[in-house]
Amino acid sequence: MPRTTQQFLEIEEIKEGIVILKNKTFRKILVVSSLNFSLKSVEEQDAIIYQYQNFLNSLDFSLQIIIQSRKINLTGYLEKLKKMEIKQQNMLLRDQIEKYQEFIKNLITKNSILSKNFFVVIPFTSSEIPEIKTSQQKKASLEEERFERIKSQIWQRAEFVILGLKRCGLECTPLNSYELIELFWSLYHPEQAEQGYYPSFPPELIK
């Protein structure tokens, strides 16, 4: 019997903005803004490095930092320029728009224009929350209670990371369930994602 793609994934479920893995560990993912470090003065650079060192030294849990590079899709921009060219009554401006379109097309043909996204992955293991023994009838409600406790703990870690990186001049935003599904879909479908195509996800997947 052929195996589906889902069987090879480590993800079991995405719930309330938290990734639940098949080994019963949990992940909270933050998207982080970039910082043009080279444009800062020497004093500002030293201050950022000092704050970042303090942040790392203050952590009592592990973190994973991921940098994602993706080709920028300029199809929509080129289509917009084409519409502007067609509507333009001034022949000189129309000619300039046409030449600009050719410039953009040549630029993206000869060079890969990439955008970079930065993520911080915060882990949490179920073993960090004591197991509660109960009867089979109460198992479902206690599993939900256990998840709420895990969610509370992982959010505390996320808030700690957000505050620490904010002191370094970086803004962090937690990804919600829809954004997480879209992120993982794009990782496994890079070509479609680069073209700007994303499927409509069923509501039952977004919790």
N, C-alpha and C. Protein backbone atom coordinates (compact mmCIF):
# COMPACT_ATOMS: atom_id res chain seq x y z
N MET A 1 0.85 -1.20 0.00
CA MET A 1 0.00 0.00 0.00
C MET A 1 0.88 1.25 0.00
N PRO A 2 0.68 2.18 -0.96
CA PRO A 2 1.54 3.37 -1.02
C PRO A 2 1.34 4.25 0.20
N ARG A 3 2.41 4.86 0.65
CA ARG A 3 2.37 5.72 1.82
C ARG A 3 2.18 7.16 1.39
N THR A 4 1.39 7.92 2.15
CA THR A 4 1.14 9.32 1.83
C THR A 4 2.27 10.18 2.35
N THR A 5 2.34 11.42 1.83
CA THR A 5 3.38 12.35 2.27
C THR A 5 3.28 12.62 3.76
N GLN A 6 2.03 12.70 4.28
CA GLN A 6 1.83 13.01 5.69
C GLN A 6 2.50 11.99 6.62
N GLN A 7 2.62 10.75 6.14
CA GLN A 7 3.22 9.72 6.97
C GLN A 7 4.72 9.95 7.20
N PHE A 8 5.33 10.72 6.30
CA PHE A 8 6.76 10.99 6.43
C PHE A 8 7.04 12.27 7.22
N LEU A 9 6.01 13.06 7.46
CA LEU A 9 6.20 14.31 8.20
C LEU A 9 6.26 14.04 9.69
N GLU A 10 7.02 14.87 10.39
CA GLU A 10 7.12 14.73 11.85
C GLU A 10 5.97 15.42 12.56
N ILE A 11 5.20 16.21 11.82
CA ILE A 11 4.12 16.99 12.44
C ILE A 11 2.86 16.13 12.58
N GLU A 12 2.31 16.11 13.77
CA GLU A 12 1.06 15.40 14.01
C GLU A 12 -0.13 16.33 13.89
N GLU A 13 0.04 17.57 14.41
CA GLU A 13 -1.08 18.49 14.46
C GLU A 13 -0.57 19.90 14.69
N ILE A 14 -1.34 20.89 14.20
CA ILE A 14 -1.08 22.29 14.52
C ILE A 14 -2.32 22.83 15.21
N LYS A 15 -2.14 23.27 16.45
CA LYS A 15 -3.28 23.64 17.27
C LYS A 15 -2.99 24.92 18.03
N GLU A 16 -3.86 25.91 17.84
CA GLU A 16 -3.76 27.19 18.55
C GLU A 16 -2.37 27.80 18.43
N GLY A 17 -1.82 27.73 17.23
CA GLY A 17 -0.51 28.35 16.97
C GLY A 17 0.66 27.56 17.50
N ILE A 18 0.45 26.30 17.88
CA ILE A 18 1.52 25.45 18.40
C ILE A 18 1.64 24.20 17.53
N VAL A 19 2.87 23.87 17.15
CA VAL A 19 3.13 22.67 16.35
C VAL A 19 3.32 21.49 17.30
N ILE A 20 2.51 20.46 17.11
CA ILE A 20 2.62 19.25 17.92
C ILE A 20 3.26 18.17 17.05
N LEU A 21 4.40 17.67 17.48
CA LEU A 21 5.11 16.65 16.72
C LEU A 21 4.67 15.25 17.15
N LYS A 22 4.99 14.28 16.30
CA LYS A 22 4.56 12.90 16.56
C LYS A 22 5.23 12.31 17.79
N ASN A 23 6.39 12.84 18.16
CA ASN A 23 7.06 12.34 19.37
C ASN A 23 6.57 13.06 20.63
N LYS A 24 5.43 13.78 20.47
CA LYS A 24 4.77 14.47 21.59
C LYS A 24 5.61 15.60 22.18
N THR A 25 6.42 16.22 21.34
CA THR A 25 7.06 17.47 21.72
C THR A 25 6.37 18.60 20.99
N PHE A 26 6.62 19.83 21.42
CA PHE A 26 5.86 20.98 20.94
C PHE A 26 6.82 22.07 20.46
N ARG A 27 6.33 22.88 19.52
CA ARG A 27 7.14 23.97 18.99
C ARG A 27 6.27 25.22 18.83
N LYS A 28 6.84 26.36 19.25
CA LYS A 28 6.25 27.67 18.98
C LYS A 28 7.21 28.39 18.05
N ILE A 29 6.70 28.97 16.97
CA ILE A 29 7.57 29.59 15.97
C ILE A 29 7.29 31.09 15.89
N LEU A 30 8.35 31.87 15.97
CA LEU A 30 8.28 33.33 15.85
C LEU A 30 8.97 33.76 14.57
N VAL A 31 8.37 34.70 13.86
CA VAL A 31 9.06 35.32 12.74
C VAL A 31 9.72 36.59 13.26
N VAL A 32 10.97 36.82 12.89
CA VAL A 32 11.78 37.90 13.46
C VAL A 32 12.17 38.88 12.37
N SER A 33 12.10 40.16 12.69
CA SER A 33 12.49 41.19 11.73
C SER A 33 14.00 41.17 11.52
N SER A 34 14.44 41.80 10.44
CA SER A 34 15.87 41.88 10.16
C SER A 34 16.43 43.20 10.71
N LEU A 35 17.74 43.30 10.74
CA LEU A 35 18.42 44.49 11.25
C LEU A 35 19.66 44.73 10.39
N ASN A 36 19.77 45.93 9.82
CA ASN A 36 20.94 46.24 8.99
C ASN A 36 22.09 46.65 9.91
N PHE A 37 22.81 45.65 10.37
CA PHE A 37 23.86 45.84 11.35
C PHE A 37 24.98 46.72 10.83
N SER A 38 25.33 46.58 9.55
CA SER A 38 26.48 47.31 8.98
C SER A 38 26.24 48.82 8.90
N LEU A 39 24.98 49.25 8.92
CA LEU A 39 24.67 50.68 8.86
C LEU A 39 24.70 51.34 10.24
N LYS A 40 24.83 50.54 11.27
CA LYS A 40 24.88 51.09 12.63
C LYS A 40 26.27 51.64 12.93
N SER A 41 26.33 52.59 13.84
CA SER A 41 27.62 53.10 14.29
C SER A 41 28.32 52.03 15.13
N VAL A 42 29.61 52.23 15.38
CA VAL A 42 30.38 51.26 16.17
C VAL A 42 29.77 51.11 17.56
N GLU A 43 29.36 52.23 18.15
CA GLU A 43 28.76 52.19 19.49
C GLU A 43 27.45 51.41 19.49
N GLU A 44 26.62 51.62 18.43
CA GLU A 44 25.36 50.91 18.33
C GLU A 44 25.59 49.42 18.11
N GLN A 45 26.57 49.08 17.29
CA GLN A 45 26.89 47.67 17.06
C GLN A 45 27.32 46.99 18.35
N ASP A 46 28.17 47.67 19.11
CA ASP A 46 28.63 47.11 20.39
C ASP A 46 27.46 46.90 21.35
N ALA A 47 26.53 47.86 21.35
CA ALA A 47 25.36 47.77 22.24
C ALA A 47 24.48 46.59 21.85
N ILE A 48 24.29 46.39 20.53
CA ILE A 48 23.46 45.27 20.04
C ILE A 48 24.11 43.94 20.41
N ILE A 49 25.42 43.83 20.19
CA ILE A 49 26.14 42.60 20.53
C ILE A 49 26.04 42.30 22.03
N TYR A 50 26.19 43.33 22.83
CA TYR A 50 26.12 43.17 24.29
C TYR A 50 24.73 42.69 24.71
N GLN A 51 23.69 43.30 24.14
CA GLN A 51 22.33 42.90 24.48
C GLN A 51 22.05 41.47 24.01
N TYR A 52 22.58 41.10 22.85
CA TYR A 52 22.37 39.75 22.33
C TYR A 52 23.09 38.71 23.20
N GLN A 53 24.28 39.04 23.64
CA GLN A 53 25.00 38.14 24.55
C GLN A 53 24.21 37.96 25.85
N ASN A 54 23.70 39.05 26.39
CA ASN A 54 22.91 38.97 27.61
C ASN A 54 21.67 38.10 27.41
N PHE A 55 21.04 38.26 26.25
CA PHE A 55 19.85 37.47 25.94
C PHE A 55 20.18 35.97 25.90
N LEU A 56 21.26 35.62 25.19
CA LEU A 56 21.64 34.21 25.09
C LEU A 56 22.01 33.63 26.46
N ASN A 57 22.72 34.42 27.25
CA ASN A 57 23.14 33.93 28.58
C ASN A 57 21.96 33.78 29.55
N SER A 58 20.87 34.48 29.26
CA SER A 58 19.71 34.43 30.16
C SER A 58 18.79 33.24 29.87
N LEU A 59 19.00 32.57 28.73
CA LEU A 59 18.13 31.46 28.35
C LEU A 59 18.40 30.23 29.20
N ASP A 60 17.34 29.58 29.65
CA ASP A 60 17.48 28.30 30.34
C ASP A 60 16.82 27.18 29.54
N PHE A 61 16.59 27.43 28.25
CA PHE A 61 16.05 26.42 27.34
C PHE A 61 16.70 26.64 25.96
N SER A 62 16.66 25.62 25.14
CA SER A 62 17.31 25.70 23.83
C SER A 62 16.42 26.45 22.83
N LEU A 63 17.07 26.99 21.80
CA LEU A 63 16.37 27.68 20.72
C LEU A 63 16.92 27.19 19.39
N GLN A 64 16.11 27.28 18.35
CA GLN A 64 16.59 27.01 17.00
C GLN A 64 16.34 28.25 16.16
N ILE A 65 17.38 28.73 15.48
CA ILE A 65 17.27 29.91 14.62
C ILE A 65 17.36 29.44 13.17
N ILE A 66 16.36 29.80 12.37
CA ILE A 66 16.28 29.35 10.98
C ILE A 66 16.23 30.57 10.07
N ILE A 67 17.04 30.53 9.00
CA ILE A 67 17.02 31.56 7.96
C ILE A 67 16.49 30.91 6.68
N GLN A 68 15.40 31.45 6.16
CA GLN A 68 14.80 30.91 4.94
C GLN A 68 15.01 31.89 3.79
N SER A 69 15.62 31.41 2.72
CA SER A 69 15.81 32.22 1.51
C SER A 69 14.81 31.77 0.46
N ARG A 70 14.18 32.73 -0.18
CA ARG A 70 13.17 32.40 -1.20
C ARG A 70 13.26 33.41 -2.35
N LYS A 71 13.11 32.90 -3.55
CA LYS A 71 13.10 33.80 -4.72
C LYS A 71 11.89 34.72 -4.65
N ILE A 72 12.13 35.99 -4.94
CA ILE A 72 11.03 36.95 -4.95
C ILE A 72 10.24 36.79 -6.24
N ASN A 73 8.92 36.66 -6.10
CA ASN A 73 8.05 36.53 -7.26
C ASN A 73 7.59 37.92 -7.70
N LEU A 74 8.01 38.32 -8.91
CA LEU A 74 7.68 39.65 -9.43
C LEU A 74 6.63 39.59 -10.54
N THR A 75 5.95 38.46 -10.68
CA THR A 75 4.95 38.31 -11.74
C THR A 75 3.84 39.35 -11.60
N GLY A 76 3.32 39.48 -10.38
CA GLY A 76 2.25 40.44 -10.15
C GLY A 76 2.69 41.87 -10.42
N TYR A 77 3.91 42.20 -10.05
CA TYR A 77 4.44 43.55 -10.29
C TYR A 77 4.56 43.83 -11.79
N LEU A 78 5.04 42.84 -12.55
CA LEU A 78 5.17 43.00 -13.99
C LEU A 78 3.80 43.14 -14.66
N GLU A 79 2.82 42.40 -14.17
CA GLU A 79 1.47 42.50 -14.71
C GLU A 79 0.88 43.89 -14.45
N LYS A 80 1.18 44.43 -13.28
CA LYS A 80 0.71 45.78 -12.94
C LYS A 80 1.35 46.82 -13.86
N LEU A 81 2.65 46.66 -14.13
CA LEU A 81 3.34 47.58 -15.04
C LEU A 81 2.76 47.50 -16.45
N LYS A 82 2.41 46.29 -16.88
CA LYS A 82 1.82 46.11 -18.22
C LYS A 82 0.49 46.84 -18.33
N LYS A 83 -0.32 46.75 -17.30
CA LYS A 83 -1.60 47.46 -17.29
C LYS A 83 -1.40 48.97 -17.33
N MET A 84 -0.38 49.44 -16.59
CA MET A 84 -0.07 50.87 -16.59
C MET A 84 0.37 51.32 -17.99
N GLU A 85 1.14 50.47 -18.65
CA GLU A 85 1.60 50.79 -20.01
C GLU A 85 0.43 50.92 -20.97
N ILE A 86 -0.52 49.98 -20.89
CA ILE A 86 -1.67 49.98 -21.80
C ILE A 86 -2.55 51.22 -21.59
N LYS A 87 -2.71 51.61 -20.31
CA LYS A 87 -3.58 52.75 -19.99
C LYS A 87 -2.92 54.10 -20.25
N GLN A 88 -1.60 54.12 -20.31
CA GLN A 88 -0.88 55.39 -20.44
C GLN A 88 -1.10 56.02 -21.82
N GLN A 89 -1.56 57.28 -21.81
CA GLN A 89 -1.82 58.00 -23.06
C GLN A 89 -0.58 58.69 -23.60
N ASN A 90 0.31 59.06 -22.71
CA ASN A 90 1.53 59.74 -23.12
C ASN A 90 2.50 58.71 -23.70
N MET A 91 2.84 58.88 -24.98
CA MET A 91 3.67 57.89 -25.67
C MET A 91 5.07 57.81 -25.07
N LEU A 92 5.61 58.94 -24.61
CA LEU A 92 6.94 58.95 -24.01
C LEU A 92 6.96 58.14 -22.72
N LEU A 93 5.93 58.36 -21.86
CA LEU A 93 5.84 57.62 -20.61
C LEU A 93 5.57 56.14 -20.87
N ARG A 94 4.76 55.86 -21.89
CA ARG A 94 4.49 54.45 -22.23
C ARG A 94 5.78 53.75 -22.63
N ASP A 95 6.60 54.45 -23.40
CA ASP A 95 7.88 53.87 -23.83
C ASP A 95 8.79 53.63 -22.63
N GLN A 96 8.79 54.56 -21.67
CA GLN A 96 9.62 54.41 -20.47
C GLN A 96 9.17 53.22 -19.62
N ILE A 97 7.86 53.03 -19.51
CA ILE A 97 7.33 51.90 -18.74
C ILE A 97 7.70 50.58 -19.40
N GLU A 98 7.64 50.56 -20.74
CA GLU A 98 8.00 49.34 -21.47
C GLU A 98 9.48 49.00 -21.27
N LYS A 99 10.34 50.01 -21.34
CA LYS A 99 11.77 49.78 -21.13
C LYS A 99 12.06 49.33 -19.70
N TYR A 100 11.31 49.89 -18.75
CA TYR A 100 11.50 49.50 -17.35
C TYR A 100 11.10 48.03 -17.15
N GLN A 101 10.02 47.61 -17.82
CA GLN A 101 9.61 46.21 -17.75
C GLN A 101 10.71 45.29 -18.28
N GLU A 102 11.32 45.66 -19.38
CA GLU A 102 12.40 44.86 -19.96
C GLU A 102 13.60 44.80 -19.02
N PHE A 103 13.86 45.93 -18.36
CA PHE A 103 14.97 45.97 -17.40
C PHE A 103 14.72 44.98 -16.25
N ILE A 104 13.49 44.98 -15.71
CA ILE A 104 13.15 44.08 -14.61
C ILE A 104 13.24 42.63 -15.07
N LYS A 105 12.72 42.33 -16.27
CA LYS A 105 12.76 40.96 -16.79
C LYS A 105 14.20 40.48 -16.96
N ASN A 106 15.06 41.33 -17.49
CA ASN A 106 16.47 40.96 -17.65
C ASN A 106 17.16 40.77 -16.32
N LEU A 107 16.79 41.61 -15.35
CA LEU A 107 17.39 41.54 -14.03
C LEU A 107 17.09 40.20 -13.35
N ILE A 108 15.82 39.78 -13.41
CA ILE A 108 15.45 38.54 -12.73
C ILE A 108 15.86 37.31 -13.53
N THR A 109 16.11 37.49 -14.83
CA THR A 109 16.59 36.37 -15.64
C THR A 109 18.06 36.08 -15.33
N LYS A 110 18.85 37.12 -15.17
CA LYS A 110 20.29 36.96 -14.95
C LYS A 110 20.66 36.77 -13.48
N ASN A 111 19.78 37.23 -12.59
CA ASN A 111 20.11 37.16 -11.16
C ASN A 111 18.93 36.57 -10.38
N SER A 112 19.24 35.82 -9.36
CA SER A 112 18.22 35.32 -8.45
C SER A 112 18.02 36.34 -7.34
N ILE A 113 16.88 37.00 -7.34
CA ILE A 113 16.58 37.99 -6.31
C ILE A 113 15.87 37.27 -5.17
N LEU A 114 16.51 37.28 -4.01
CA LEU A 114 16.02 36.50 -2.88
C LEU A 114 15.52 37.39 -1.75
N SER A 115 14.51 36.90 -1.09
CA SER A 115 14.09 37.51 0.18
C SER A 115 14.48 36.55 1.29
N LYS A 116 14.78 37.07 2.46
CA LYS A 116 15.17 36.23 3.59
C LYS A 116 14.19 36.43 4.73
N ASN A 117 13.77 35.31 5.29
CA ASN A 117 12.90 35.32 6.46
C ASN A 117 13.64 34.67 7.62
N PHE A 118 13.46 35.23 8.80
CA PHE A 118 14.16 34.75 9.99
C PHE A 118 13.14 34.23 11.00
N PHE A 119 13.40 33.03 11.51
CA PHE A 119 12.49 32.40 12.46
C PHE A 119 13.24 31.93 13.70
N VAL A 120 12.56 32.00 14.83
CA VAL A 120 13.05 31.40 16.07
C VAL A 120 12.07 30.31 16.46
N VAL A 121 12.58 29.10 16.65
CA VAL A 121 11.74 27.96 17.04
C VAL A 121 11.98 27.66 18.51
N ILE A 122 10.89 27.69 19.29
CA ILE A 122 10.97 27.47 20.73
C ILE A 122 10.41 26.08 21.03
N PRO A 123 11.23 25.19 21.61
CA PRO A 123 10.77 23.83 21.88
C PRO A 123 10.17 23.68 23.28
N PHE A 124 9.36 22.66 23.43
CA PHE A 124 8.84 22.28 24.75
C PHE A 124 8.53 20.80 24.70
N THR A 125 8.89 20.07 25.76
CA THR A 125 8.63 18.64 25.81
C THR A 125 7.54 18.34 26.83
N SER A 126 6.74 17.34 26.53
CA SER A 126 5.64 16.99 27.43
C SER A 126 6.15 16.50 28.78
N SER A 127 7.39 16.00 28.82
CA SER A 127 7.95 15.51 30.09
C SER A 127 8.17 16.64 31.09
N GLU A 128 8.16 17.89 30.59
CA GLU A 128 8.33 19.03 31.50
C GLU A 128 7.05 19.32 32.28
N ILE A 129 5.94 18.68 31.89
CA ILE A 129 4.68 18.80 32.62
C ILE A 129 4.38 17.45 33.26
N PRO A 130 4.21 17.38 34.56
CA PRO A 130 3.96 16.10 35.22
C PRO A 130 2.73 15.39 34.66
N GLU A 131 2.84 14.07 34.49
CA GLU A 131 1.73 13.25 34.00
C GLU A 131 0.68 13.11 35.09
N ILE A 132 -0.58 13.16 34.66
CA ILE A 132 -1.69 13.01 35.60
C ILE A 132 -2.39 11.69 35.29
N LYS A 133 -2.42 10.79 36.26
CA LYS A 133 -3.09 9.50 36.07
C LYS A 133 -4.57 9.66 36.39
N THR A 134 -5.40 9.07 35.52
CA THR A 134 -6.85 9.21 35.70
C THR A 134 -7.57 8.04 35.05
N SER A 135 -8.85 8.02 35.21
CA SER A 135 -9.67 6.98 34.59
C SER A 135 -9.86 7.28 33.11
N GLN A 136 -10.28 6.27 32.36
CA GLN A 136 -10.46 6.44 30.92
C GLN A 136 -11.52 7.48 30.61
N GLN A 137 -12.55 7.57 31.46
CA GLN A 137 -13.64 8.51 31.21
C GLN A 137 -13.17 9.96 31.26
N LYS A 138 -12.21 10.24 32.12
CA LYS A 138 -11.75 11.61 32.29
C LYS A 138 -10.51 11.93 31.45
N LYS A 139 -10.05 10.96 30.67
CA LYS A 139 -8.79 11.11 29.95
C LYS A 139 -8.83 12.28 28.97
N ALA A 140 -9.92 12.41 28.22
CA ALA A 140 -10.02 13.45 27.19
C ALA A 140 -9.94 14.85 27.80
N SER A 141 -10.69 15.06 28.90
CA SER A 141 -10.70 16.38 29.52
C SER A 141 -9.34 16.72 30.14
N LEU A 142 -8.67 15.71 30.69
CA LEU A 142 -7.36 15.96 31.29
C LEU A 142 -6.28 16.18 30.23
N GLU A 143 -6.44 15.53 29.08
CA GLU A 143 -5.51 15.77 27.98
C GLU A 143 -5.63 17.23 27.51
N GLU A 144 -6.85 17.74 27.48
CA GLU A 144 -7.06 19.14 27.09
C GLU A 144 -6.48 20.07 28.15
N GLU A 145 -6.67 19.71 29.42
CA GLU A 145 -6.10 20.51 30.52
C GLU A 145 -4.57 20.51 30.43
N ARG A 146 -4.02 19.36 30.11
CA ARG A 146 -2.57 19.24 29.97
C ARG A 146 -2.05 20.12 28.83
N PHE A 147 -2.79 20.12 27.71
CA PHE A 147 -2.39 20.97 26.59
C PHE A 147 -2.43 22.45 26.99
N GLU A 148 -3.44 22.84 27.74
CA GLU A 148 -3.55 24.24 28.18
C GLU A 148 -2.35 24.62 29.04
N ARG A 149 -1.88 23.70 29.88
CA ARG A 149 -0.72 23.97 30.72
C ARG A 149 0.55 24.09 29.86
N ILE A 150 0.66 23.20 28.89
CA ILE A 150 1.81 23.25 27.97
C ILE A 150 1.80 24.56 27.18
N LYS A 151 0.60 24.93 26.70
CA LYS A 151 0.46 26.18 25.93
C LYS A 151 0.89 27.38 26.77
N SER A 152 0.47 27.39 28.04
CA SER A 152 0.84 28.48 28.93
C SER A 152 2.35 28.57 29.11
N GLN A 153 3.00 27.42 29.28
CA GLN A 153 4.45 27.38 29.50
C GLN A 153 5.21 27.82 28.24
N ILE A 154 4.77 27.35 27.09
CA ILE A 154 5.49 27.68 25.87
C ILE A 154 5.28 29.15 25.49
N TRP A 155 4.10 29.69 25.85
CA TRP A 155 3.87 31.12 25.61
C TRP A 155 4.75 31.98 26.53
N GLN A 156 4.99 31.50 27.75
CA GLN A 156 5.89 32.23 28.64
C GLN A 156 7.29 32.30 28.05
N ARG A 157 7.73 31.18 27.46
CA ARG A 157 9.04 31.18 26.79
C ARG A 157 9.04 32.14 25.60
N ALA A 158 7.96 32.11 24.83
CA ALA A 158 7.86 32.99 23.65
C ALA A 158 7.93 34.46 24.06
N GLU A 159 7.21 34.82 25.11
CA GLU A 159 7.22 36.21 25.59
C GLU A 159 8.61 36.61 26.07
N PHE A 160 9.31 35.67 26.70
CA PHE A 160 10.67 35.94 27.17
C PHE A 160 11.60 36.21 25.98
N VAL A 161 11.46 35.41 24.92
CA VAL A 161 12.28 35.59 23.71
C VAL A 161 11.94 36.90 23.01
N ILE A 162 10.66 37.20 22.91
CA ILE A 162 10.22 38.44 22.26
C ILE A 162 10.81 39.66 22.96
N LEU A 163 10.75 39.65 24.29
CA LEU A 163 11.29 40.77 25.07
C LEU A 163 12.81 40.86 24.91
N GLY A 164 13.50 39.71 24.97
CA GLY A 164 14.96 39.71 24.85
C GLY A 164 15.44 40.21 23.50
N LEU A 165 14.78 39.78 22.43
CA LEU A 165 15.19 40.22 21.09
C LEU A 165 14.77 41.67 20.81
N LYS A 166 13.70 42.12 21.48
CA LYS A 166 13.29 43.52 21.32
C LYS A 166 14.38 44.45 21.86
N ARG A 167 15.06 44.03 22.91
CA ARG A 167 16.17 44.83 23.46
C ARG A 167 17.34 44.91 22.49
N CYS A 168 17.38 43.96 21.55
CA CYS A 168 18.43 43.98 20.51
C CYS A 168 17.98 44.75 19.28
N GLY A 169 16.77 45.32 19.32
CA GLY A 169 16.26 46.08 18.18
C GLY A 169 15.50 45.24 17.18
N LEU A 170 15.09 44.03 17.57
CA LEU A 170 14.38 43.12 16.67
C LEU A 170 12.94 42.94 17.13
N GLU A 171 12.04 42.91 16.15
CA GLU A 171 10.63 42.68 16.45
C GLU A 171 10.27 41.22 16.13
N CYS A 172 9.53 40.58 17.02
CA CYS A 172 9.12 39.18 16.84
C CYS A 172 7.60 39.08 16.81
N THR A 173 7.10 38.24 15.93
CA THR A 173 5.66 37.99 15.84
C THR A 173 5.41 36.50 15.85
N PRO A 174 4.60 35.99 16.79
CA PRO A 174 4.27 34.56 16.80
C PRO A 174 3.39 34.22 15.60
N LEU A 175 3.66 33.10 14.95
CA LEU A 175 2.84 32.65 13.82
C LEU A 175 1.59 31.95 14.35
N ASN A 176 0.43 32.27 13.77
CA ASN A 176 -0.79 31.57 14.14
C ASN A 176 -0.91 30.27 13.35
N SER A 177 -1.97 29.53 13.57
CA SER A 177 -2.11 28.21 12.95
C SER A 177 -2.12 28.30 11.43
N TYR A 178 -2.86 29.26 10.89
CA TYR A 178 -2.93 29.41 9.43
C TYR A 178 -1.55 29.72 8.87
N GLU A 179 -0.82 30.64 9.51
CA GLU A 179 0.51 31.01 9.03
C GLU A 179 1.50 29.85 9.13
N LEU A 180 1.35 29.02 10.16
CA LEU A 180 2.21 27.85 10.30
C LEU A 180 1.94 26.84 9.19
N ILE A 181 0.67 26.59 8.90
CA ILE A 181 0.32 25.66 7.82
C ILE A 181 0.87 26.16 6.49
N GLU A 182 0.71 27.46 6.25
CA GLU A 182 1.22 28.07 5.01
C GLU A 182 2.74 27.96 4.94
N LEU A 183 3.42 28.18 6.07
CA LEU A 183 4.88 28.08 6.11
C LEU A 183 5.35 26.67 5.77
N PHE A 184 4.77 25.67 6.41
CA PHE A 184 5.20 24.30 6.15
C PHE A 184 4.82 23.85 4.74
N TRP A 185 3.68 24.32 4.25
CA TRP A 185 3.29 23.98 2.87
C TRP A 185 4.33 24.54 1.90
N SER A 186 4.77 25.79 2.14
CA SER A 186 5.74 26.41 1.23
C SER A 186 7.10 25.71 1.28
N LEU A 187 7.45 25.14 2.44
CA LEU A 187 8.72 24.43 2.56
C LEU A 187 8.73 23.17 1.71
N TYR A 188 7.57 22.54 1.60
CA TYR A 188 7.48 21.30 0.82
C TYR A 188 7.03 21.54 -0.62
N HIS A 189 6.64 22.78 -0.94
CA HIS A 189 6.24 23.13 -2.31
C HIS A 189 6.92 24.45 -2.69
N PRO A 190 8.25 24.50 -2.72
CA PRO A 190 8.97 25.77 -2.93
C PRO A 190 8.67 26.43 -4.28
N GLU A 191 8.53 25.63 -5.34
CA GLU A 191 8.31 26.22 -6.66
C GLU A 191 6.96 26.92 -6.74
N GLN A 192 5.91 26.28 -6.22
CA GLN A 192 4.58 26.91 -6.23
C GLN A 192 4.57 28.15 -5.34
N ALA A 193 5.26 28.07 -4.21
CA ALA A 193 5.30 29.22 -3.29
C ALA A 193 6.00 30.41 -3.92
N GLU A 194 7.08 30.15 -4.66
CA GLU A 194 7.80 31.23 -5.33
C GLU A 194 6.95 31.90 -6.39
N GLN A 195 6.01 31.15 -6.96
CA GLN A 195 5.11 31.71 -7.98
C GLN A 195 3.92 32.43 -7.35
N GLY A 196 3.86 32.39 -6.02
CA GLY A 196 2.78 33.07 -5.31
C GLY A 196 1.53 32.25 -5.18
N TYR A 197 1.61 30.94 -5.45
CA TYR A 197 0.42 30.08 -5.34
C TYR A 197 0.36 29.43 -3.96
N TYR A 198 -0.79 29.58 -3.31
CA TYR A 198 -1.05 28.88 -2.05
C TYR A 198 -2.47 28.32 -2.13
N PRO A 199 -2.66 27.06 -1.76
CA PRO A 199 -4.00 26.48 -1.81
C PRO A 199 -4.88 27.02 -0.70
N SER A 200 -6.18 26.76 -0.84
CA SER A 200 -7.12 27.09 0.24
C SER A 200 -7.13 25.94 1.23
N PHE A 201 -6.80 26.23 2.47
CA PHE A 201 -6.72 25.18 3.47
C PHE A 201 -8.09 24.96 4.10
N PRO A 202 -8.51 23.70 4.28
CA PRO A 202 -9.81 23.41 4.92
C PRO A 202 -9.86 23.98 6.33
N PRO A 203 -11.01 24.51 6.74
CA PRO A 203 -11.15 25.11 8.08
C PRO A 203 -10.77 24.15 9.20
N GLU A 204 -11.01 22.83 9.01
CA GLU A 204 -10.72 21.88 10.08
C GLU A 204 -9.24 21.76 10.36
N LEU A 205 -8.39 22.20 9.41
CA LEU A 205 -6.95 22.16 9.64
C LEU A 205 -6.46 23.32 10.50
N ILE A 206 -7.28 24.36 10.54
CA ILE A 206 -6.86 25.60 11.23
C ILE A 206 -7.58 25.68 12.56
N LYS A 207 -6.86 25.35 13.62
CA LYS A 207 -7.46 25.32 14.95
C LYS A 207 -6.88 26.43 15.81
